[in-house]
Amino acid sequence: MTATPASTPESAPATNRPKRVLLAAPRGYCAGVDRAVIAVEKALEQYGAPIYVRHEIVHNKYVVQTLERKGAIFVDQATEVPPGNIVMFSAHGVAPTVHEEARQGRLATIDATCPLVTKVHKEAVRFANEDFDILLIGHEGHEEVIGTSGEAPDHIQLVDGPGDVAKIEVRDPSRVVWLSQTTLSVDETMETVDALKEKFPQLISPPSDDICYATQNRQIAIKELAGQAELVIVVGSKNSSNSIRMVEVAKQAGVPAAYLVDFASEIDEAWLEGVTSVGLSSGASVPDILVQEVLEWLGERGYADVEIVKTADESLTFSLPKELRNKDLRAVAEKLGAGEPAAAAKE
């Protein structure tokens, strides 16, 4: 299997062109996901199992199953964790009430919230303190939206797409700001912003983009693939917002067909009928081993020529959660479980 830079499709009929895979770059893990997954692995290494994790550390079935085999236990709520244990908060972030639940439950905590999500949380707190109405663009029920809304519930209203704009009411149209979930479609978000600005002309934008760099980069790459391929496959889980958006972006960009799969085994061979160029990418919570398995699967069916479609370079990294620097965190958790003062949890 060879990998070469992508070129413009030839004008020859599709049936006469060799089968190929257009492989997106960048794809897969973003810095926040990489940080969160390593944080679980590091915690298991330093403190031993079990390490409890509130909700999926990232939205990927393979990653969760792999970490479970190493000793991570995923729970829906911090209140499910027995006192005296360590609980980690996922990359999607949590509301202040969840931190309080962990404290009341006598748990030691590790916060693996993506720093870019933390940025949005801090923006919400700042604008709430300045008594703004905050219009949070995002999908109802998503963990990130729940966490951000929890920072200032009395000031935040959810706007789930342009269709929600008509029902939004604010106290003072001159003191309104919009924020967004980090994993949205850039185009759809701006469509919502435009509708909000039409209703509230004095609407303020956040100081910097809330949609994360990796989400934007993967959507740009998908658009490029969609212009050259007849089929786009995105590797990612069904509960991964950024992966779902990538499929939607591909379809909006005009590709005849686009599908989301967790594993190569989920690909339907019927999708390949008449297809000479397959675009392949993966969501920001997907390890590259799953993409390599899809490449192997396609290679076995004649798509052995792999061409790289590179649209951006990514070099951003985040330091691990500060709590992992506390070598005695397991002992701290046990003291908390025994009812000793919460001060014992300090580094």
Protein backbone atom coordinates (compact mmCIF):
# COMPACT_ATOMS: atom_id res chain seq x y z
CA MET A 1 0.00 0.00 0.00
CA THR A 2 1.48 3.35 -1.04
CA ALA A 3 0.67 6.86 0.11
CA THR A 4 1.19 9.82 -2.21
CA PRO A 5 -0.08 13.41 -2.28
CA ALA A 6 -3.57 13.67 -3.74
CA SER A 7 -4.11 14.98 -7.23
CA THR A 8 -7.16 16.25 -9.09
CA PRO A 9 -9.30 13.39 -10.45
CA GLU A 10 -8.61 12.57 -14.07
CA SER A 11 -11.19 13.41 -16.70
CA ALA A 12 -11.35 9.77 -17.85
CA PRO A 13 -14.53 7.80 -17.07
CA ALA A 14 -14.65 6.46 -13.51
CA THR A 15 -14.64 2.87 -14.74
CA ASN A 16 -11.23 3.45 -16.32
CA ARG A 17 -9.61 5.01 -13.26
CA PRO A 18 -7.75 2.93 -10.68
CA LYS A 19 -9.38 2.50 -7.31
CA ARG A 20 -7.93 4.76 -4.64
CA VAL A 21 -8.40 6.03 -1.10
CA LEU A 22 -8.12 9.74 -0.35
CA LEU A 23 -6.89 9.86 3.24
CA ALA A 24 -7.49 13.07 5.17
CA ALA A 25 -4.73 14.80 7.09
CA PRO A 26 -5.30 15.88 9.79
CA ARG A 27 -7.69 13.30 11.21
CA GLY A 28 -8.20 11.41 14.47
CA TYR A 29 -7.07 12.42 17.93
CA CYS A 30 -7.02 16.10 18.81
CA ALA A 31 -4.87 17.47 21.63
CA GLY A 32 -7.73 17.45 24.15
CA VAL A 33 -8.66 13.83 23.47
CA ASP A 34 -5.04 12.71 23.53
CA ARG A 35 -4.62 14.44 26.90
CA ALA A 36 -7.75 12.85 28.36
CA VAL A 37 -6.94 9.29 27.24
CA ILE A 38 -3.34 9.54 28.48
CA ALA A 39 -4.68 10.94 31.77
CA VAL A 40 -6.73 7.79 32.39
CA GLU A 41 -3.79 5.55 31.47
CA LYS A 42 -1.43 7.56 33.67
CA ALA A 43 -3.85 7.47 36.61
CA LEU A 44 -4.17 3.70 36.33
CA GLU A 45 -0.39 3.39 36.18
CA GLN A 46 0.24 5.68 39.17
CA TYR A 47 -2.64 4.82 41.47
CA GLY A 48 -3.77 1.39 40.29
CA ALA A 49 -7.28 0.23 39.47
CA PRO A 50 -9.99 1.13 39.80
CA ILE A 51 -10.10 4.63 38.41
CA TYR A 52 -13.68 5.78 38.06
CA VAL A 53 -14.57 8.04 35.12
CA ARG A 54 -17.76 10.07 35.03
CA HIS A 55 -19.28 9.46 31.61
CA GLU A 56 -17.18 8.29 28.67
CA ILE A 57 -13.76 9.94 28.83
CA VAL A 58 -14.20 10.64 25.10
CA HIS A 59 -16.98 9.58 22.77
CA ASN A 60 -15.42 6.50 21.20
CA LYS A 61 -16.49 2.92 21.77
CA TYR A 62 -13.06 1.37 21.13
CA VAL A 63 -11.27 3.78 23.50
CA VAL A 64 -13.77 3.18 26.29
CA GLN A 65 -13.61 -0.61 25.92
CA THR A 66 -9.80 -0.53 25.89
CA LEU A 67 -9.63 1.55 29.07
CA GLU A 68 -12.20 -0.67 30.78
CA ARG A 69 -9.94 -3.67 30.19
CA LYS A 70 -7.12 -1.76 31.91
CA GLY A 71 -9.20 -1.06 35.01
CA ALA A 72 -11.23 2.09 34.33
CA ILE A 73 -14.85 2.04 35.49
CA PHE A 74 -17.23 4.36 33.69
CA VAL A 75 -20.23 5.67 35.60
CA ASP A 76 -23.10 8.00 34.73
CA GLN A 77 -22.80 10.13 37.87
CA ALA A 78 -20.17 10.84 40.50
CA THR A 79 -22.73 9.82 43.11
CA GLU A 80 -22.33 6.20 41.93
CA VAL A 81 -18.67 6.10 43.02
CA PRO A 82 -18.04 4.60 46.49
CA PRO A 83 -16.44 7.05 48.97
CA GLY A 84 -12.66 6.92 49.17
CA ASN A 85 -12.06 6.48 45.45
CA ILE A 86 -10.67 8.55 42.59
CA VAL A 87 -13.05 9.88 39.93
CA MET A 88 -12.00 11.56 36.70
CA PHE A 89 -14.14 14.05 34.79
CA SER A 90 -14.26 13.57 31.04
CA ALA A 91 -12.89 15.80 28.29
CA HIS A 92 -16.38 17.28 27.77
CA GLY A 93 -16.36 19.14 31.08
CA VAL A 94 -18.80 19.20 33.99
CA ALA A 95 -20.91 21.76 35.83
CA PRO A 96 -19.85 23.11 39.24
CA THR A 97 -22.58 20.99 40.83
CA VAL A 98 -20.69 17.85 39.77
CA HIS A 99 -17.55 19.01 41.56
CA GLU A 100 -19.69 19.55 44.64
CA GLU A 101 -21.21 16.06 44.33
CA ALA A 102 -17.71 14.58 44.27
CA ARG A 103 -16.74 16.61 47.35
CA GLN A 104 -19.87 15.53 49.21
CA GLY A 105 -19.19 11.94 48.14
CA ARG A 106 -15.71 12.10 49.68
CA LEU A 107 -13.92 11.49 46.39
CA ALA A 108 -10.55 12.60 45.08
CA THR A 109 -10.94 14.10 41.61
CA ILE A 110 -8.95 14.46 38.40
CA ASP A 111 -10.31 17.00 35.93
CA ALA A 112 -9.55 15.95 32.33
CA THR A 113 -11.74 18.65 30.76
CA CYS A 114 -10.30 19.79 27.43
CA PRO A 115 -8.67 23.21 27.92
CA LEU A 116 -10.66 24.55 24.96
CA VAL A 117 -13.90 23.56 26.73
CA THR A 118 -12.59 25.13 29.93
CA LYS A 119 -12.12 28.34 27.94
CA VAL A 120 -15.82 28.38 27.07
CA HIS A 121 -16.72 27.72 30.72
CA LYS A 122 -14.63 30.71 31.79
CA GLU A 123 -16.25 32.89 29.12
CA ALA A 124 -19.69 31.88 30.42
CA VAL A 125 -18.72 32.78 33.99
CA ARG A 126 -17.24 36.13 32.96
CA PHE A 127 -20.23 37.21 30.88
CA ALA A 128 -22.65 36.04 33.57
CA ASN A 129 -20.75 38.09 36.16
CA GLU A 130 -21.15 41.09 33.85
CA ASP A 131 -24.91 40.32 33.73
CA PHE A 132 -25.11 39.43 30.04
CA ASP A 133 -27.71 37.09 28.59
CA ILE A 134 -25.69 34.23 27.08
CA LEU A 135 -26.99 32.38 24.01
CA LEU A 136 -25.22 29.02 23.92
CA ILE A 137 -25.30 27.43 20.47
CA GLY A 138 -25.22 23.66 20.83
CA HIS A 139 -27.13 20.41 20.87
CA GLU A 140 -29.55 19.77 23.70
CA GLY A 141 -28.46 16.95 25.99
CA HIS A 142 -24.81 16.93 24.90
CA GLU A 143 -22.48 16.60 27.88
CA GLU A 144 -20.48 19.65 26.93
CA VAL A 145 -23.61 21.80 26.71
CA ILE A 146 -24.83 20.53 30.08
CA GLY A 147 -21.47 21.36 31.67
CA THR A 148 -21.22 24.84 30.18
CA SER A 149 -24.84 25.69 31.01
CA GLY A 150 -24.21 24.65 34.59
CA GLU A 151 -21.66 27.44 35.01
CA ALA A 152 -24.37 30.11 34.82
CA PRO A 153 -27.82 28.50 34.50
CA ASP A 154 -29.68 31.74 35.22
CA HIS A 155 -27.95 33.54 32.36
CA ILE A 156 -27.68 30.87 29.64
CA GLN A 157 -30.25 29.91 27.02
CA LEU A 158 -29.60 27.04 24.59
CA VAL A 159 -29.96 27.72 20.87
CA ASP A 160 -30.10 24.38 19.05
CA GLY A 161 -29.82 25.62 15.48
CA PRO A 162 -31.41 28.45 13.46
CA GLY A 163 -34.90 27.09 14.10
CA ASP A 164 -34.59 27.97 17.78
CA VAL A 165 -33.89 31.65 17.23
CA ALA A 166 -37.50 32.82 16.93
CA LYS A 167 -38.35 31.69 20.46
CA ILE A 168 -35.34 33.34 22.15
CA GLU A 169 -36.14 36.28 24.42
CA VAL A 170 -33.60 38.38 26.34
CA ARG A 171 -33.78 41.00 29.05
CA ASP A 172 -31.70 43.64 27.28
CA PRO A 173 -30.89 43.29 23.55
CA SER A 174 -27.81 45.49 24.06
CA ARG A 175 -26.28 43.00 26.51
CA VAL A 176 -26.36 39.68 24.68
CA VAL A 177 -23.43 37.41 23.78
CA TRP A 178 -23.23 34.10 21.96
CA LEU A 179 -21.00 31.14 22.84
CA SER A 180 -20.92 27.67 21.30
CA GLN A 181 -20.27 24.02 21.87
CA THR A 182 -16.76 23.26 20.61
CA THR A 183 -17.66 20.35 18.29
CA LEU A 184 -20.26 21.91 16.00
CA SER A 185 -20.35 22.37 12.26
CA VAL A 186 -18.73 25.72 11.55
CA ASP A 187 -21.15 26.50 8.69
CA GLU A 188 -24.26 25.58 10.68
CA THR A 189 -23.05 27.57 13.69
CA MET A 190 -22.51 30.69 11.60
CA GLU A 191 -25.95 30.25 10.06
CA THR A 192 -27.36 30.29 13.60
CA VAL A 193 -25.22 33.31 14.51
CA ASP A 194 -26.47 35.18 11.44
CA ALA A 195 -30.07 34.50 12.46
CA LEU A 196 -29.33 35.67 16.00
CA LYS A 197 -27.69 38.87 14.74
CA GLU A 198 -30.73 39.59 12.60
CA LYS A 199 -32.92 39.39 15.71
CA PHE A 200 -30.38 41.00 18.06
CA PRO A 201 -28.24 43.46 16.01
CA GLN A 202 -26.07 44.31 19.04
CA LEU A 203 -25.16 40.66 19.67
CA ILE A 204 -21.58 40.28 20.91
CA SER A 205 -19.30 37.49 19.69
CA PRO A 206 -16.90 35.58 21.96
CA PRO A 207 -13.32 36.91 22.16
CA SER A 208 -12.11 33.97 20.05
CA ASP A 209 -13.63 31.00 18.21
CA ASP A 210 -15.32 28.52 20.51
CA ILE A 211 -15.38 25.75 17.89
CA CYS A 212 -12.08 23.99 18.43
CA TYR A 213 -9.23 24.06 15.92
CA ALA A 214 -9.38 20.28 15.41
CA THR A 215 -13.10 20.30 14.64
CA GLN A 216 -12.58 23.06 12.07
CA ASN A 217 -9.53 21.37 10.52
CA ARG A 218 -11.34 18.04 10.13
CA GLN A 219 -14.32 19.72 8.52
CA ILE A 220 -12.09 21.58 6.05
CA ALA A 221 -10.38 18.30 5.12
CA ILE A 222 -13.74 16.55 4.69
CA LYS A 223 -14.88 19.27 2.29
CA GLU A 224 -11.72 18.67 0.25
CA LEU A 225 -12.37 14.92 0.19
CA ALA A 226 -16.00 15.46 -0.79
CA GLY A 227 -14.89 17.36 -3.87
CA GLN A 228 -12.77 14.47 -5.12
CA ALA A 229 -14.45 11.27 -3.87
CA GLU A 230 -17.66 9.44 -4.70
CA LEU A 231 -17.93 8.01 -1.21
CA VAL A 232 -16.74 9.34 2.16
CA ILE A 233 -16.27 7.13 5.20
CA VAL A 234 -15.79 8.76 8.61
CA VAL A 235 -14.55 6.55 11.43
CA GLY A 236 -16.23 7.56 14.68
CA SER A 237 -18.88 6.62 17.20
CA LYS A 238 -22.58 7.44 16.87
CA ASN A 239 -22.48 9.60 20.02
CA SER A 240 -19.51 11.64 18.82
CA SER A 241 -20.76 15.11 17.90
CA ASN A 242 -17.70 16.10 15.87
CA SER A 243 -17.78 12.80 13.91
CA ILE A 244 -21.47 13.21 13.09
CA ARG A 245 -20.82 16.77 11.92
CA MET A 246 -18.07 15.51 9.58
CA VAL A 247 -20.56 13.24 7.80
CA GLU A 248 -23.04 16.09 7.53
CA VAL A 249 -20.37 18.44 6.16
CA ALA A 250 -19.36 15.86 3.54
CA LYS A 251 -22.94 15.53 2.34
CA GLN A 252 -23.43 19.30 2.28
CA ALA A 253 -20.25 19.60 0.23
CA GLY A 254 -21.79 17.40 -2.45
CA VAL A 255 -20.33 13.91 -2.05
CA PRO A 256 -22.86 11.32 -3.33
CA ALA A 257 -22.66 9.21 -0.16
CA ALA A 258 -21.12 9.51 3.30
CA TYR A 259 -21.25 7.12 6.26
CA LEU A 260 -20.13 6.94 9.89
CA VAL A 261 -18.66 3.66 11.16
CA ASP A 262 -17.01 2.59 14.40
CA PHE A 263 -15.12 -0.29 12.81
CA ALA A 264 -14.20 -1.61 9.37
CA SER A 265 -16.60 -4.51 9.92
CA GLU A 266 -19.51 -2.06 9.75
CA ILE A 267 -18.77 -1.06 6.14
CA ASP A 268 -21.30 -2.39 3.63
CA GLU A 269 -19.61 -3.62 0.45
CA ALA A 270 -22.63 -2.36 -1.49
CA TRP A 271 -21.43 1.18 -0.75
CA LEU A 272 -18.45 0.54 -3.04
CA GLU A 273 -20.47 -0.30 -6.13
CA GLY A 274 -19.27 1.91 -8.98
CA VAL A 275 -16.94 3.83 -6.65
CA THR A 276 -13.32 4.44 -7.67
CA SER A 277 -12.39 7.12 -5.08
CA VAL A 278 -13.14 6.66 -1.37
CA GLY A 279 -12.52 9.55 1.01
CA LEU A 280 -11.50 8.45 4.50
CA SER A 281 -11.16 10.42 7.72
CA SER A 282 -11.89 10.04 11.43
CA GLY A 283 -13.33 12.07 14.27
CA ALA A 284 -11.24 13.82 16.90
CA SER A 285 -11.76 11.01 19.44
CA VAL A 286 -10.67 8.15 17.17
CA PRO A 287 -7.31 6.32 17.51
CA ASP A 288 -5.57 5.80 14.17
CA ILE A 289 -5.53 2.02 14.55
CA LEU A 290 -9.19 2.04 13.54
CA VAL A 291 -8.41 4.03 10.39
CA GLN A 292 -5.61 1.60 9.52
CA GLU A 293 -8.07 -1.30 9.82
CA VAL A 294 -10.39 0.44 7.34
CA LEU A 295 -7.46 0.98 4.97
CA GLU A 296 -6.65 -2.73 5.17
CA TRP A 297 -10.30 -3.63 4.56
CA LEU A 298 -10.44 -1.36 1.51
CA GLY A 299 -7.06 -2.60 0.28
CA GLU A 300 -8.36 -6.17 0.27
CA ARG A 301 -11.11 -4.98 -2.07
CA GLY A 302 -8.83 -3.29 -4.59
CA TYR A 303 -8.39 0.15 -3.05
CA ALA A 304 -4.65 -0.22 -2.49
CA ASP A 305 -3.59 3.22 -3.74
CA VAL A 306 -3.70 5.66 -0.79
CA GLU A 307 -3.32 9.36 -1.51
CA ILE A 308 -2.91 11.87 1.33
CA VAL A 309 -5.14 14.97 1.25
CA LYS A 310 -3.37 17.38 3.59
CA THR A 311 -5.13 20.62 4.48
CA ALA A 312 -3.45 21.64 7.77
CA ASP A 313 -0.63 20.90 10.17
CA GLU A 314 -1.41 20.28 13.84
CA SER A 315 1.21 20.55 16.56
CA LEU A 316 -0.79 21.71 19.61
CA THR A 317 -0.37 19.70 22.80
CA PHE A 318 -1.79 20.15 26.30
CA SER A 319 -0.14 19.32 29.61
CA LEU A 320 -1.75 16.59 31.69
CA PRO A 321 -4.21 17.46 34.48
CA LYS A 322 -2.38 18.96 37.46
CA GLU A 323 -3.93 16.39 39.83
CA LEU A 324 -1.71 13.71 38.28
CA ARG A 325 1.28 15.42 39.85
CA ASN A 326 0.00 14.36 43.28
CA LYS A 327 1.73 11.02 43.81
CA ASP A 328 -0.35 10.42 46.96
CA LEU A 329 -3.78 10.89 45.39
CA ARG A 330 -4.85 7.32 46.21
CA ALA A 331 -3.94 7.90 49.85
CA VAL A 332 -5.81 11.21 49.77
CA ALA A 333 -8.89 9.43 48.42
CA GLU A 334 -8.73 6.84 51.17
CA LYS A 335 -8.47 9.55 53.85
CA LEU A 336 -11.47 11.31 52.39
CA GLY A 337 -13.38 8.04 52.38
CA ALA A 338 -12.57 7.59 56.05
CA GLY A 339 -14.10 10.99 56.78
CA GLU A 340 -10.88 12.92 57.35
CA PRO A 341 -10.88 16.68 56.50
CA ALA A 342 -11.18 17.69 52.86
CA ALA A 343 -7.94 19.65 53.29
CA ALA A 344 -6.18 16.31 52.97
CA ALA A 345 -7.04 16.39 49.27
CA LYS A 346 -4.85 19.43 48.62
CA GLU A 347 -1.51 18.95 46.88
